[in-house]
Amino acid sequence: MNSSIVWRVYFTDIPPTGIGPQHQPGGFSASSPMACYPKVYNIEMDPHEDLIVGRFFSWLVAPVYKAIAECKETLRKYPNHQGANLTKF
């Protein structure tokens, strides 16, 4: 039996508005590296993604940001090829 948990994390591109705690520093604020609140789901126990569990597993955000930083570093070293121009004939 596999004891690992399968997580899915979504980031939004739209920063929140207002003057509340969303503008304070931290991983769940608008000033976070992705400028968003990550939505964390345990897709093994909740495959329909009905329950956001980020506040219960806030420790998960740091490893996710680390993985994103490692991916960005890999893209700097090995950039993606530019796609074909499908509008130029």
C-alpha atoms as a PDB file:
ATOM      1  CA  MET A   1       0.000   0.000   0.000  1.00  0.00           C
ATOM      2  CA  ASN A   2       1.333   3.434  -0.956  1.00  0.00           C
ATOM      3  CA  SER A   3       1.235   5.845   1.981  1.00  0.00           C
ATOM      4  CA  SER A   4       2.029   9.013   0.013  1.00  0.00           C
ATOM      5  CA  ILE A   5      -0.668  11.630  -0.448  1.00  0.00           C
ATOM      6  CA  VAL A   6      -1.391  13.079  -3.863  1.00  0.00           C
ATOM      7  CA  TRP A   7      -1.764  16.877  -3.796  1.00  0.00           C
ATOM      8  CA  ARG A   8      -2.922  19.354  -6.402  1.00  0.00           C
ATOM      9  CA  VAL A   9      -2.143  23.030  -5.980  1.00  0.00           C
ATOM     10  CA  TYR A  10      -3.730  25.762  -8.087  1.00  0.00           C
ATOM     11  CA  PHE A  11      -2.557  29.343  -8.305  1.00  0.00           C
ATOM     12  CA  THR A  12      -4.731  32.222  -9.440  1.00  0.00           C
ATOM     13  CA  ASP A  13      -3.423  35.044 -11.608  1.00  0.00           C
ATOM     14  CA  ILE A  14      -5.734  37.722 -10.205  1.00  0.00           C
ATOM     15  CA  PRO A  15      -4.596  39.360  -6.968  1.00  0.00           C
ATOM     16  CA  PRO A  16      -7.326  40.051  -4.421  1.00  0.00           C
ATOM     17  CA  THR A  17      -8.674  43.540  -3.916  1.00  0.00           C
ATOM     18  CA  GLY A  18      -9.371  45.456  -0.727  1.00  0.00           C
ATOM     19  CA  ILE A  19      -7.295  46.436   2.274  1.00  0.00           C
ATOM     20  CA  GLY A  20      -7.594  43.270   4.373  1.00  0.00           C
ATOM     21  CA  PRO A  21      -5.045  40.647   5.409  1.00  0.00           C
ATOM     22  CA  GLN A  22      -4.606  39.529   1.785  1.00  0.00           C
ATOM     23  CA  HIS A  23      -2.090  42.378   1.422  1.00  0.00           C
ATOM     24  CA  GLN A  24       0.083  41.248   4.350  1.00  0.00           C
ATOM     25  CA  PRO A  25       3.364  39.367   3.756  1.00  0.00           C
ATOM     26  CA  GLY A  26       3.256  35.584   3.649  1.00  0.00           C
ATOM     27  CA  GLY A  27       2.511  32.580   1.499  1.00  0.00           C
ATOM     28  CA  PHE A  28      -1.243  33.130   1.429  1.00  0.00           C
ATOM     29  CA  SER A  29      -1.145  36.843   0.637  1.00  0.00           C
ATOM     30  CA  ALA A  30      -1.151  38.872  -2.545  1.00  0.00           C
ATOM     31  CA  SER A  31       2.542  39.556  -1.976  1.00  0.00           C
ATOM     32  CA  SER A  32       3.499  35.876  -2.260  1.00  0.00           C
ATOM     33  CA  PRO A  33       5.871  34.898  -5.109  1.00  0.00           C
ATOM     34  CA  MET A  34       2.976  33.856  -7.375  1.00  0.00           C
ATOM     35  CA  ALA A  35       0.859  36.885  -6.297  1.00  0.00           C
ATOM     36  CA  CYS A  36      -2.008  34.637  -5.289  1.00  0.00           C
ATOM     37  CA  TYR A  37      -3.573  32.301  -2.777  1.00  0.00           C
ATOM     38  CA  PRO A  38      -2.702  28.705  -3.567  1.00  0.00           C
ATOM     39  CA  LYS A  39      -5.655  26.343  -3.499  1.00  0.00           C
ATOM     40  CA  VAL A  40      -4.538  22.992  -2.103  1.00  0.00           C
ATOM     41  CA  TYR A  41      -6.499  19.788  -2.632  1.00  0.00           C
ATOM     42  CA  ASN A  42      -5.870  16.204  -1.523  1.00  0.00           C
ATOM     43  CA  ILE A  43      -6.969  14.579  -4.772  1.00  0.00           C
ATOM     44  CA  GLU A  44      -6.534  11.059  -3.446  1.00  0.00           C
ATOM     45  CA  MET A  45      -9.225  11.559  -0.796  1.00  0.00           C
ATOM     46  CA  ASP A  46     -11.153  14.271  -2.673  1.00  0.00           C
ATOM     47  CA  PRO A  47     -10.920  13.536  -6.432  1.00  0.00           C
ATOM     48  CA  HIS A  48     -13.679  16.046  -7.241  1.00  0.00           C
ATOM     49  CA  GLU A  49     -11.703  18.830  -5.531  1.00  0.00           C
ATOM     50  CA  ASP A  50     -14.592  19.953  -3.360  1.00  0.00           C
ATOM     51  CA  LEU A  51     -12.599  20.767  -0.199  1.00  0.00           C
ATOM     52  CA  ILE A  52      -9.724  23.266  -0.165  1.00  0.00           C
ATOM     53  CA  VAL A  53      -7.373  22.029   2.557  1.00  0.00           C
ATOM     54  CA  GLY A  54      -4.559  24.601   2.296  1.00  0.00           C
ATOM     55  CA  ARG A  55      -5.154  26.115   5.704  1.00  0.00           C
ATOM     56  CA  PHE A  56      -4.824  22.682   7.324  1.00  0.00           C
ATOM     57  CA  PHE A  57      -1.656  21.812   5.407  1.00  0.00           C
ATOM     58  CA  SER A  58       0.065  25.196   5.154  1.00  0.00           C
ATOM     59  CA  TRP A  59       3.451  23.457   5.456  1.00  0.00           C
ATOM     60  CA  LEU A  60       2.879  22.176   1.916  1.00  0.00           C
ATOM     61  CA  VAL A  61       3.280  25.622   0.336  1.00  0.00           C
ATOM     62  CA  ALA A  62       7.052  25.840   0.962  1.00  0.00           C
ATOM     63  CA  PRO A  63       7.888  22.602  -0.918  1.00  0.00           C
ATOM     64  CA  VAL A  64       5.577  23.665  -3.764  1.00  0.00           C
ATOM     65  CA  TYR A  65       7.349  27.036  -4.123  1.00  0.00           C
ATOM     66  CA  LYS A  66      10.692  25.191  -4.004  1.00  0.00           C
ATOM     67  CA  ALA A  67       9.577  22.894  -6.848  1.00  0.00           C
ATOM     68  CA  ILE A  68       8.429  25.935  -8.865  1.00  0.00           C
ATOM     69  CA  ALA A  69      11.799  27.646  -8.335  1.00  0.00           C
ATOM     70  CA  GLU A  70      13.639  24.481  -9.419  1.00  0.00           C
ATOM     71  CA  CYS A  71      11.469  24.257 -12.541  1.00  0.00           C
ATOM     72  CA  LYS A  72      12.160  27.909 -13.398  1.00  0.00           C
ATOM     73  CA  GLU A  73      15.895  27.306 -12.986  1.00  0.00           C
ATOM     74  CA  THR A  74      15.692  24.318 -15.330  1.00  0.00           C
ATOM     75  CA  LEU A  75      13.874  26.483 -17.898  1.00  0.00           C
ATOM     76  CA  ARG A  76      16.661  29.072 -17.684  1.00  0.00           C
ATOM     77  CA  LYS A  77      19.222  26.361 -18.348  1.00  0.00           C
ATOM     78  CA  TYR A  78      17.175  24.516 -20.987  1.00  0.00           C
ATOM     79  CA  PRO A  79      14.660  26.995 -22.461  1.00  0.00           C
ATOM     80  CA  ASN A  80      11.656  25.743 -24.396  1.00  0.00           C
ATOM     81  CA  HIS A  81      11.843  25.944 -28.162  1.00  0.00           C
ATOM     82  CA  GLN A  82       9.746  28.647 -29.728  1.00  0.00           C
ATOM     83  CA  GLY A  83       6.629  27.247 -31.323  1.00  0.00           C
ATOM     84  CA  ALA A  84       5.948  27.378 -35.025  1.00  0.00           C
ATOM     85  CA  ASN A  85       4.236  30.486 -36.399  1.00  0.00           C
ATOM     86  CA  LEU A  86       0.955  29.047 -37.660  1.00  0.00           C
ATOM     87  CA  THR A  87      -0.280  32.396 -39.000  1.00  0.00           C
ATOM     88  CA  LYS A  88       2.581  32.916 -41.475  1.00  0.00           C
ATOM     89  CA  PHE A  89       2.175  30.921 -44.696  1.00  0.00           C
END
